[in-house]
PDB file of N, CA and C in Angstrom:
ATOM      1  N   MET A   1     -10.207  47.306  12.830  1.00  0.00           N
ATOM      2  CA  MET A   1     -10.924  47.394  11.714  1.00  0.00           C
ATOM      3  C   MET A   1     -11.216  49.270  11.823  1.00  0.00           C
ATOM      4  N   THR A   2     -10.866  49.977  11.143  1.00  0.00           N
ATOM      5  CA  THR A   2     -11.206  51.280  11.238  1.00  0.00           C
ATOM      6  C   THR A   2     -12.439  51.952  10.719  1.00  0.00           C
ATOM      7  N   PRO A   3     -13.100  52.422  11.361  1.00  0.00           N
ATOM      8  CA  PRO A   3     -14.561  52.938  10.453  1.00  0.00           C
ATOM      9  C   PRO A   3     -14.323  53.428   8.806  1.00  0.00           C
ATOM     10  N   GLU A   4     -13.309  53.991   8.629  1.00  0.00           N
ATOM     11  CA  GLU A   4     -13.454  54.138   7.280  1.00  0.00           C
ATOM     12  C   GLU A   4     -13.121  53.184   6.275  1.00  0.00           C
ATOM     13  N   TYR A   5     -12.307  51.808   6.322  1.00  0.00           N
ATOM     14  CA  TYR A   5     -12.396  51.083   6.119  1.00  0.00           C
ATOM     15  C   TYR A   5     -13.726  50.082   5.993  1.00  0.00           C
ATOM     16  N   VAL A   6     -14.772  50.144   6.686  1.00  0.00           N
ATOM     17  CA  VAL A   6     -16.074  49.580   6.864  1.00  0.00           C
ATOM     18  C   VAL A   6     -16.568  50.569   5.999  1.00  0.00           C
ATOM     19  N   LEU A   7     -16.413  51.954   5.838  1.00  0.00           N
ATOM     20  CA  LEU A   7     -17.430  52.528   4.874  1.00  0.00           C
ATOM     21  C   LEU A   7     -16.864  52.279   3.486  1.00  0.00           C
ATOM     22  N   ASP A   8     -15.542  52.417   3.409  1.00  0.00           N
ATOM     23  CA  ASP A   8     -15.001  51.754   2.097  1.00  0.00           C
ATOM     24  C   ASP A   8     -15.554  50.099   1.533  1.00  0.00           C
ATOM     25  N   LEU A   9     -15.801  49.447   2.543  1.00  0.00           N
ATOM     26  CA  LEU A   9     -16.266  47.845   2.134  1.00  0.00           C
ATOM     27  C   LEU A   9     -17.483  47.949   1.734  1.00  0.00           C
ATOM     28  N   GLY A  10     -18.242  49.097   2.344  1.00  0.00           N
ATOM     29  CA  GLY A  10     -19.388  48.991   2.197  1.00  0.00           C
ATOM     30  C   GLY A  10     -19.798  49.558   1.083  1.00  0.00           C
ATOM     31  N   LYS A  11     -18.750  50.828   0.290  1.00  0.00           N
ATOM     32  CA  LYS A  11     -18.945  51.442  -0.858  1.00  0.00           C
ATOM     33  C   LYS A  11     -18.497  50.788  -1.622  1.00  0.00           C
ATOM     34  N   ASN A  12     -17.704  50.064  -1.451  1.00  0.00           N
ATOM     35  CA  ASN A  12     -17.104  48.964  -2.996  1.00  0.00           C
ATOM     36  C   ASN A  12     -18.568  47.825  -3.205  1.00  0.00           C
ATOM     37  N   ALA A  13     -18.699  47.145  -1.833  1.00  0.00           N
ATOM     38  CA  ALA A  13     -20.137  46.570  -2.068  1.00  0.00           C
ATOM     39  C   ALA A  13     -21.387  46.774  -2.946  1.00  0.00           C
ATOM     40  N   LEU A  14     -22.059  48.481  -2.454  1.00  0.00           N
ATOM     41  CA  LEU A  14     -22.753  48.963  -3.493  1.00  0.00           C
ATOM     42  C   LEU A  14     -22.319  49.314  -5.055  1.00  0.00           C
ATOM     43  N   MET A  15     -21.251  49.644  -4.918  1.00  0.00           N
ATOM     44  CA  MET A  15     -20.851  49.736  -6.265  1.00  0.00           C
ATOM     45  C   MET A  15     -20.874  48.492  -6.964  1.00  0.00           C
ATOM     46  N   ILE A  16     -20.264  47.340  -6.591  1.00  0.00           N
ATOM     47  CA  ILE A  16     -20.363  45.854  -7.422  1.00  0.00           C
ATOM     48  C   ILE A  16     -21.649  45.919  -7.832  1.00  0.00           C
ATOM     49  N   ALA A  17     -22.779  46.096  -7.028  1.00  0.00           N
ATOM     50  CA  ALA A  17     -24.473  45.551  -7.006  1.00  0.00           C
ATOM     51  C   ALA A  17     -24.735  46.535  -8.062  1.00  0.00           C
ATOM     52  N   LEU A  18     -24.214  48.031  -8.174  1.00  0.00           N
ATOM     53  CA  LEU A  18     -24.758  48.682  -9.160  1.00  0.00           C
ATOM     54  C   LEU A  18     -23.854  48.287 -10.951  1.00  0.00           C
ATOM     55  N   ILE A  19     -22.726  47.752 -10.486  1.00  0.00           N
ATOM     56  CA  ILE A  19     -22.371  47.288 -11.771  1.00  0.00           C
ATOM     57  C   ILE A  19     -23.241  46.078 -12.515  1.00  0.00           C
ATOM     58  N   VAL A  20     -23.359  44.937 -11.257  1.00  0.00           N
ATOM     59  CA  VAL A  20     -23.732  44.088 -12.003  1.00  0.00           C
ATOM     60  C   VAL A  20     -25.014  43.813 -12.420  1.00  0.00           C
ATOM     61  N   THR A  21     -25.602  44.998 -11.744  1.00  0.00           N
ATOM     62  CA  THR A  21     -27.270  44.809 -11.798  1.00  0.00           C
ATOM     63  C   THR A  21     -27.447  46.258 -13.485  1.00  0.00           C
ATOM     64  N   GLY A  22     -26.610  46.819 -13.725  1.00  0.00           N
ATOM     65  CA  GLY A  22     -26.565  47.737 -14.351  1.00  0.00           C
ATOM     66  C   GLY A  22     -26.765  46.917 -16.230  1.00  0.00           C
ATOM     67  N   PRO A  23     -26.087  46.177 -16.684  1.00  0.00           N
ATOM     68  CA  PRO A  23     -26.597  45.758 -18.198  1.00  0.00           C
ATOM     69  C   PRO A  23     -28.502  45.065 -17.941  1.00  0.00           C
ATOM     70  N   PRO A  24     -28.503  44.524 -17.632  1.00  0.00           N
ATOM     71  CA  PRO A  24     -30.493  44.054 -17.482  1.00  0.00           C
ATOM     72  C   PRO A  24     -31.146  45.297 -17.298  1.00  0.00           C
ATOM     73  N   LEU A  25     -30.779  45.976 -15.863  1.00  0.00           N
ATOM     74  CA  LEU A  25     -31.422  47.219 -16.254  1.00  0.00           C
ATOM     75  C   LEU A  25     -31.652  48.340 -17.357  1.00  0.00           C
ATOM     76  N   ILE A  26     -30.318  48.484 -17.991  1.00  0.00           N
ATOM     77  CA  ILE A  26     -30.244  49.379 -18.830  1.00  0.00           C
ATOM     78  C   ILE A  26     -30.973  48.809 -20.403  1.00  0.00           C
ATOM     79  N   SER A  27     -30.638  47.768 -20.623  1.00  0.00           N
ATOM     80  CA  SER A  27     -31.361  47.233 -21.556  1.00  0.00           C
ATOM     81  C   SER A  27     -32.928  46.962 -21.327  1.00  0.00           C
ATOM     82  N   GLY A  28     -33.607  47.024 -19.847  1.00  0.00           N
ATOM     83  CA  GLY A  28     -34.995  46.944 -19.844  1.00  0.00           C
ATOM     84  C   GLY A  28     -35.478  48.283 -20.306  1.00  0.00           C
ATOM     85  N   LEU A  29     -34.880  49.364 -20.030  1.00  0.00           N
ATOM     86  CA  LEU A  29     -35.322  50.306 -19.778  1.00  0.00           C
ATOM     87  C   LEU A  29     -34.769  51.079 -21.511  1.00  0.00           C
ATOM     88  N   VAL A  30     -34.007  50.586 -22.034  1.00  0.00           N
ATOM     89  CA  VAL A  30     -34.184  51.376 -23.413  1.00  0.00           C
ATOM     90  C   VAL A  30     -35.305  50.001 -24.380  1.00  0.00           C
ATOM     91  N   VAL A  31     -35.334  49.120 -23.914  1.00  0.00           N
ATOM     92  CA  VAL A  31     -36.458  48.474 -24.772  1.00  0.00           C
ATOM     93  C   VAL A  31     -37.991  49.082 -24.125  1.00  0.00           C
ATOM     94  N   GLY A  32     -37.912  49.106 -22.744  1.00  0.00           N
ATOM     95  CA  GLY A  32     -39.096  49.978 -22.391  1.00  0.00           C
ATOM     96  C   GLY A  32     -39.518  51.026 -23.435  1.00  0.00           C
ATOM     97  N   LEU A  33     -38.753  51.711 -23.417  1.00  0.00           N
ATOM     98  CA  LEU A  33     -38.891  53.496 -23.776  1.00  0.00           C
ATOM     99  C   LEU A  33     -39.499  53.221 -25.389  1.00  0.00           C
ATOM    100  N   LEU A  34     -38.877  52.222 -26.203  1.00  0.00           N
ATOM    101  CA  LEU A  34     -38.745  51.848 -27.512  1.00  0.00           C
ATOM    102  C   LEU A  34     -40.388  51.260 -27.526  1.00  0.00           C
ATOM    103  N   VAL A  35     -40.591  50.414 -27.011  1.00  0.00           N
ATOM    104  CA  VAL A  35     -42.140  49.465 -26.853  1.00  0.00           C
ATOM    105  C   VAL A  35     -43.206  50.811 -26.547  1.00  0.00           C
ATOM    106  N   SER A  36     -42.842  51.539 -25.860  1.00  0.00           N
ATOM    107  CA  SER A  36     -43.439  52.711 -25.254  1.00  0.00           C
ATOM    108  C   SER A  36     -43.635  53.710 -26.368  1.00  0.00           C
ATOM    109  N   ILE A  37     -42.761  53.940 -27.075  1.00  0.00           N
ATOM    110  CA  ILE A  37     -42.870  54.417 -28.532  1.00  0.00           C
ATOM    111  C   ILE A  37     -43.534  54.330 -29.109  1.00  0.00           C
ATOM    112  N   PHE A  38     -43.360  52.616 -29.648  1.00  0.00           N
ATOM    113  CA  PHE A  38     -44.358  52.152 -30.657  1.00  0.00           C
ATOM    114  C   PHE A  38     -45.856  52.175 -30.118  1.00  0.00           C
ATOM    115  N   GLN A  39     -46.298  51.788 -28.787  1.00  0.00           N
ATOM    116  CA  GLN A  39     -47.445  51.710 -28.444  1.00  0.00           C
ATOM    117  C   GLN A  39     -48.055  53.144 -28.313  1.00  0.00           C
ATOM    118  N   ALA A  40     -47.458  54.638 -28.047  1.00  0.00           N
ATOM    119  CA  ALA A  40     -48.061  55.620 -28.297  1.00  0.00           C
ATOM    120  C   ALA A  40     -48.390  55.760 -29.751  1.00  0.00           C
ATOM    121  N   THR A  41     -47.355  55.660 -30.638  1.00  0.00           N
ATOM    122  CA  THR A  41     -47.562  55.689 -32.246  1.00  0.00           C
ATOM    123  C   THR A  41     -48.622  54.738 -33.137  1.00  0.00           C
ATOM    124  N   THR A  42     -48.933  53.394 -32.463  1.00  0.00           N
ATOM    125  CA  THR A  42     -50.040  52.894 -32.972  1.00  0.00           C
ATOM    126  C   THR A  42     -51.383  52.702 -32.012  1.00  0.00           C
ATOM    127  N   GLN A  43     -51.198  53.211 -30.913  1.00  0.00           N
ATOM    128  CA  GLN A  43     -52.312  53.390 -29.535  1.00  0.00           C
ATOM    129  C   GLN A  43     -52.787  52.045 -29.099  1.00  0.00           C
ATOM    130  N   ILE A  44     -51.743  50.665 -29.341  1.00  0.00           N
ATOM    131  CA  ILE A  44     -51.934  49.566 -28.979  1.00  0.00           C
ATOM    132  C   ILE A  44     -51.718  49.991 -27.354  1.00  0.00           C
ATOM    133  N   GLN A  45     -52.595  49.423 -26.717  1.00  0.00           N
ATOM    134  CA  GLN A  45     -52.389  49.799 -24.961  1.00  0.00           C
ATOM    135  C   GLN A  45     -52.324  48.202 -24.341  1.00  0.00           C
ATOM    136  N   ASP A  46     -51.560  47.517 -24.995  1.00  0.00           N
ATOM    137  CA  ASP A  46     -51.398  45.858 -23.986  1.00  0.00           C
ATOM    138  C   ASP A  46     -50.309  45.808 -23.080  1.00  0.00           C
ATOM    139  N   MET A  47     -50.926  45.400 -22.010  1.00  0.00           N
ATOM    140  CA  MET A  47     -49.857  45.668 -20.839  1.00  0.00           C
ATOM    141  C   MET A  47     -48.552  44.306 -21.247  1.00  0.00           C
ATOM    142  N   THR A  48     -49.056  43.294 -21.974  1.00  0.00           N
ATOM    143  CA  THR A  48     -48.484  42.554 -22.200  1.00  0.00           C
ATOM    144  C   THR A  48     -47.035  42.509 -23.079  1.00  0.00           C
ATOM    145  N   LEU A  49     -47.690  43.628 -24.039  1.00  0.00           N
ATOM    146  CA  LEU A  49     -47.112  44.144 -25.144  1.00  0.00           C
ATOM    147  C   LEU A  49     -45.950  44.455 -24.373  1.00  0.00           C
ATOM    148  N   SER A  50     -45.959  45.255 -23.569  1.00  0.00           N
ATOM    149  CA  SER A  50     -44.451  45.581 -22.728  1.00  0.00           C
ATOM    150  C   SER A  50     -43.682  44.856 -21.943  1.00  0.00           C
ATOM    151  N   PHE A  51     -44.243  43.898 -21.305  1.00  0.00           N
ATOM    152  CA  PHE A  51     -43.466  43.049 -20.174  1.00  0.00           C
ATOM    153  C   PHE A  51     -43.157  42.309 -21.156  1.00  0.00           C
ATOM    154  N   LEU A  52     -43.286  41.392 -21.792  1.00  0.00           N
ATOM    155  CA  LEU A  52     -42.409  40.395 -22.814  1.00  0.00           C
ATOM    156  C   LEU A  52     -41.132  40.658 -23.424  1.00  0.00           C
ATOM    157  N   PRO A  53     -40.992  42.013 -24.021  1.00  0.00           N
ATOM    158  CA  PRO A  53     -39.863  42.690 -24.508  1.00  0.00           C
ATOM    159  C   PRO A  53     -38.724  42.730 -23.529  1.00  0.00           C
ATOM    160  N   LYS A  54     -39.249  43.263 -22.686  1.00  0.00           N
ATOM    161  CA  LYS A  54     -38.545  43.720 -21.658  1.00  0.00           C
ATOM    162  C   LYS A  54     -37.490  42.710 -21.065  1.00  0.00           C
ATOM    163  N   LEU A  55     -38.208  41.817 -20.704  1.00  0.00           N
ATOM    164  CA  LEU A  55     -37.886  40.327 -19.849  1.00  0.00           C
ATOM    165  C   LEU A  55     -37.255  39.553 -20.707  1.00  0.00           C
ATOM    166  N   ILE A  56     -37.044  39.550 -22.344  1.00  0.00           N
ATOM    167  CA  ILE A  56     -36.609  39.108 -22.943  1.00  0.00           C
ATOM    168  C   ILE A  56     -35.194  39.765 -22.912  1.00  0.00           C
ATOM    169  N   ALA A  57     -35.168  40.842 -23.422  1.00  0.00           N
ATOM    170  CA  ALA A  57     -34.019  41.750 -22.933  1.00  0.00           C
ATOM    171  C   ALA A  57     -33.143  41.488 -22.216  1.00  0.00           C
ATOM    172  N   GLY A  58     -33.684  41.558 -20.544  1.00  0.00           N
ATOM    173  CA  GLY A  58     -33.183  41.351 -19.465  1.00  0.00           C
ATOM    174  C   GLY A  58     -32.248  40.401 -19.364  1.00  0.00           C
ATOM    175  N   ILE A  59     -33.314  39.124 -19.903  1.00  0.00           N
ATOM    176  CA  ILE A  59     -32.334  37.877 -19.874  1.00  0.00           C
ATOM    177  C   ILE A  59     -31.047  37.735 -20.725  1.00  0.00           C
ATOM    178  N   LEU A  60     -31.347  38.448 -22.046  1.00  0.00           N
ATOM    179  CA  LEU A  60     -30.194  38.556 -23.134  1.00  0.00           C
ATOM    180  C   LEU A  60     -28.988  39.673 -22.224  1.00  0.00           C
ATOM    181  N   ALA A  61     -29.498  40.289 -21.748  1.00  0.00           N
ATOM    182  CA  ALA A  61     -28.362  41.130 -21.353  1.00  0.00           C
ATOM    183  C   ALA A  61     -27.797  40.295 -20.243  1.00  0.00           C
ATOM    184  N   VAL A  62     -28.556  39.322 -19.452  1.00  0.00           N
ATOM    185  CA  VAL A  62     -27.955  38.882 -18.317  1.00  0.00           C
ATOM    186  C   VAL A  62     -27.022  37.835 -19.331  1.00  0.00           C
ATOM    187  N   ILE A  63     -27.547  36.933 -19.983  1.00  0.00           N
ATOM    188  CA  ILE A  63     -26.639  35.805 -20.547  1.00  0.00           C
ATOM    189  C   ILE A  63     -25.654  37.016 -21.346  1.00  0.00           C
ATOM    190  N   LEU A  64     -25.635  37.655 -22.177  1.00  0.00           N
ATOM    191  CA  LEU A  64     -24.326  38.529 -22.905  1.00  0.00           C
ATOM    192  C   LEU A  64     -23.613  38.621 -21.724  1.00  0.00           C
ATOM    193  N   ALA A  65     -23.821  39.592 -20.534  1.00  0.00           N
ATOM    194  CA  ALA A  65     -22.526  40.090 -19.469  1.00  0.00           C
ATOM    195  C   ALA A  65     -22.074  39.193 -18.731  1.00  0.00           C
ATOM    196  N   ALA A  66     -22.230  38.346 -18.568  1.00  0.00           N
ATOM    197  CA  ALA A  66     -22.548  37.497 -17.080  1.00  0.00           C
ATOM    198  C   ALA A  66     -21.012  37.090 -17.337  1.00  0.00           C
ATOM    199  N   PRO A  67     -20.208  36.889 -18.494  1.00  0.00           N
ATOM    200  CA  PRO A  67     -18.986  36.845 -17.676  1.00  0.00           C
ATOM    201  C   PRO A  67     -18.263  38.078 -17.247  1.00  0.00           C
ATOM    202  N   TRP A  68     -18.689  39.289 -17.963  1.00  0.00           N
ATOM    203  CA  TRP A  68     -18.033  40.444 -17.262  1.00  0.00           C
ATOM    204  C   TRP A  68     -18.733  40.346 -15.996  1.00  0.00           C
ATOM    205  N   MET A  69     -19.730  40.030 -15.790  1.00  0.00           N
ATOM    206  CA  MET A  69     -20.484  40.290 -13.842  1.00  0.00           C
ATOM    207  C   MET A  69     -19.931  39.516 -13.474  1.00  0.00           C
ATOM    208  N   MET A  70     -20.233  37.945 -14.127  1.00  0.00           N
ATOM    209  CA  MET A  70     -19.140  37.328 -12.974  1.00  0.00           C
ATOM    210  C   MET A  70     -17.718  37.389 -12.410  1.00  0.00           C
ATOM    211  N   ASN A  71     -17.072  38.282 -13.282  1.00  0.00           N
ATOM    212  CA  ASN A  71     -15.371  38.646 -13.051  1.00  0.00           C
ATOM    213  C   ASN A  71     -15.585  39.929 -11.569  1.00  0.00           C
ATOM    214  N   HIS A  72     -16.435  40.628 -12.193  1.00  0.00           N
ATOM    215  CA  HIS A  72     -16.203  41.933 -11.433  1.00  0.00           C
ATOM    216  C   HIS A  72     -16.481  40.872 -10.033  1.00  0.00           C
ATOM    217  N   VAL A  73     -17.718  40.389  -9.910  1.00  0.00           N
ATOM    218  CA  VAL A  73     -17.967  39.459  -8.395  1.00  0.00           C
ATOM    219  C   VAL A  73     -17.024  38.766  -7.531  1.00  0.00           C
ATOM    220  N   LEU A  74     -16.391  38.072  -8.562  1.00  0.00           N
ATOM    221  CA  LEU A  74     -15.292  37.119  -8.360  1.00  0.00           C
ATOM    222  C   LEU A  74     -14.127  38.095  -7.738  1.00  0.00           C
ATOM    223  N   THR A  75     -13.825  39.016  -8.319  1.00  0.00           N
ATOM    224  CA  THR A  75     -12.685  39.917  -7.841  1.00  0.00           C
ATOM    225  C   THR A  75     -12.847  40.522  -6.466  1.00  0.00           C
ATOM    226  N   TYR A  76     -14.136  41.034  -6.455  1.00  0.00           N
ATOM    227  CA  TYR A  76     -14.704  41.526  -5.246  1.00  0.00           C
ATOM    228  C   TYR A  76     -14.453  40.547  -4.028  1.00  0.00           C
ATOM    229  N   THR A  77     -14.964  39.263  -4.280  1.00  0.00           N
ATOM    230  CA  THR A  77     -15.080  38.392  -3.198  1.00  0.00           C
ATOM    231  C   THR A  77     -13.930  38.014  -2.889  1.00  0.00           C
ATOM    232  N   HIS A  78     -12.689  37.633  -3.908  1.00  0.00           N
ATOM    233  CA  HIS A  78     -11.560  37.336  -3.377  1.00  0.00           C
ATOM    234  C   HIS A  78     -10.695  38.431  -2.776  1.00  0.00           C
ATOM    235  N   ASN A  79     -10.979  39.693  -3.042  1.00  0.00           N
ATOM    236  CA  ASN A  79     -10.228  40.770  -2.354  1.00  0.00           C
ATOM    237  C   ASN A  79     -11.045  41.037  -0.757  1.00  0.00           C
ATOM    238  N   ILE A  80     -12.326  40.066  -0.800  1.00  0.00           N
ATOM    239  CA  ILE A  80     -12.663  40.073   0.619  1.00  0.00           C
ATOM    240  C   ILE A  80     -12.137  39.302   1.240  1.00  0.00           C
ATOM    241  N   LEU A  81     -12.126  37.919   0.750  1.00  0.00           N
ATOM    242  CA  LEU A  81     -11.587  36.830   1.136  1.00  0.00           C
ATOM    243  C   LEU A  81      -9.879  36.989   1.575  1.00  0.00           C
ATOM    244  N   SER A  82      -9.030  37.201   0.863  1.00  0.00           N
ATOM    245  CA  SER A  82      -7.617  37.609   1.227  1.00  0.00           C
ATOM    246  C   SER A  82      -7.351  38.197   2.216  1.00  0.00           C
ATOM    247  N   ASN A  83      -8.159  39.375   2.238  1.00  0.00           N
ATOM    248  CA  ASN A  83      -8.319  40.539   3.498  1.00  0.00           C
ATOM    249  C   ASN A  83      -9.031  40.326   5.211  1.00  0.00           C
ATOM    250  N   LEU A  84      -9.524  39.044   4.774  1.00  0.00           N
ATOM    251  CA  LEU A  84     -10.382  38.421   5.847  1.00  0.00           C
ATOM    252  C   LEU A  84      -9.808  38.421   7.423  1.00  0.00           C
ATOM    253  N   GLY A  85      -8.484  38.194   7.266  1.00  0.00           N
ATOM    254  CA  GLY A  85      -7.676  38.740   8.630  1.00  0.00           C
ATOM    255  C   GLY A  85      -7.944  39.981   9.396  1.00  0.00           C
ATOM    256  N   GLN A  86      -7.762  40.914   8.447  1.00  0.00           N
ATOM    257  CA  GLN A  86      -7.971  42.079   8.776  1.00  0.00           C
ATOM    258  C   GLN A  86      -9.563  42.170   9.751  1.00  0.00           C
ATOM    259  N   PHE A  87     -10.443  41.674   9.379  1.00  0.00           N
ATOM    260  CA  PHE A  87     -11.694  41.507  10.054  1.00  0.00           C
ATOM    261  C   PHE A  87     -11.728  41.070  10.931  1.00  0.00           C
ATOM    262  N   VAL A  88     -11.044  40.235  11.192  1.00  0.00           N
ATOM    263  CA  VAL A  88     -11.062  39.748  13.280  1.00  0.00           C
ATOM    264  C   VAL A  88     -10.475  40.210  14.286  1.00  0.00           C
ATOM    265  N   LYS A  89      -9.515  41.215  13.255  1.00  0.00           N
ATOM    266  CA  LYS A  89      -8.430  41.723  14.283  1.00  0.00           C
ATOM    267  C   LYS A  89      -9.440  42.803  15.363  1.00  0.00           C
TER     268      LYS A  89
END
């Protein structure tokens, strides 16, 4: 196994992690921004008001994107396991 191959494996693992965590993070970011704008315009400064919508948006994003995320993880896992013989050499 060459150093380039190990670096490519690490790069692919990081890309899969970023792809899988993207939908919940982006939805939380958008909802947090909207709640912050709402709080700034109404001058309501309650911490639970910003936490609960972000939590709900993150859960909904995971539920809606679960098949897509699972497909990426399973494809990466299949590629790793199918090339397992190259790791042992």
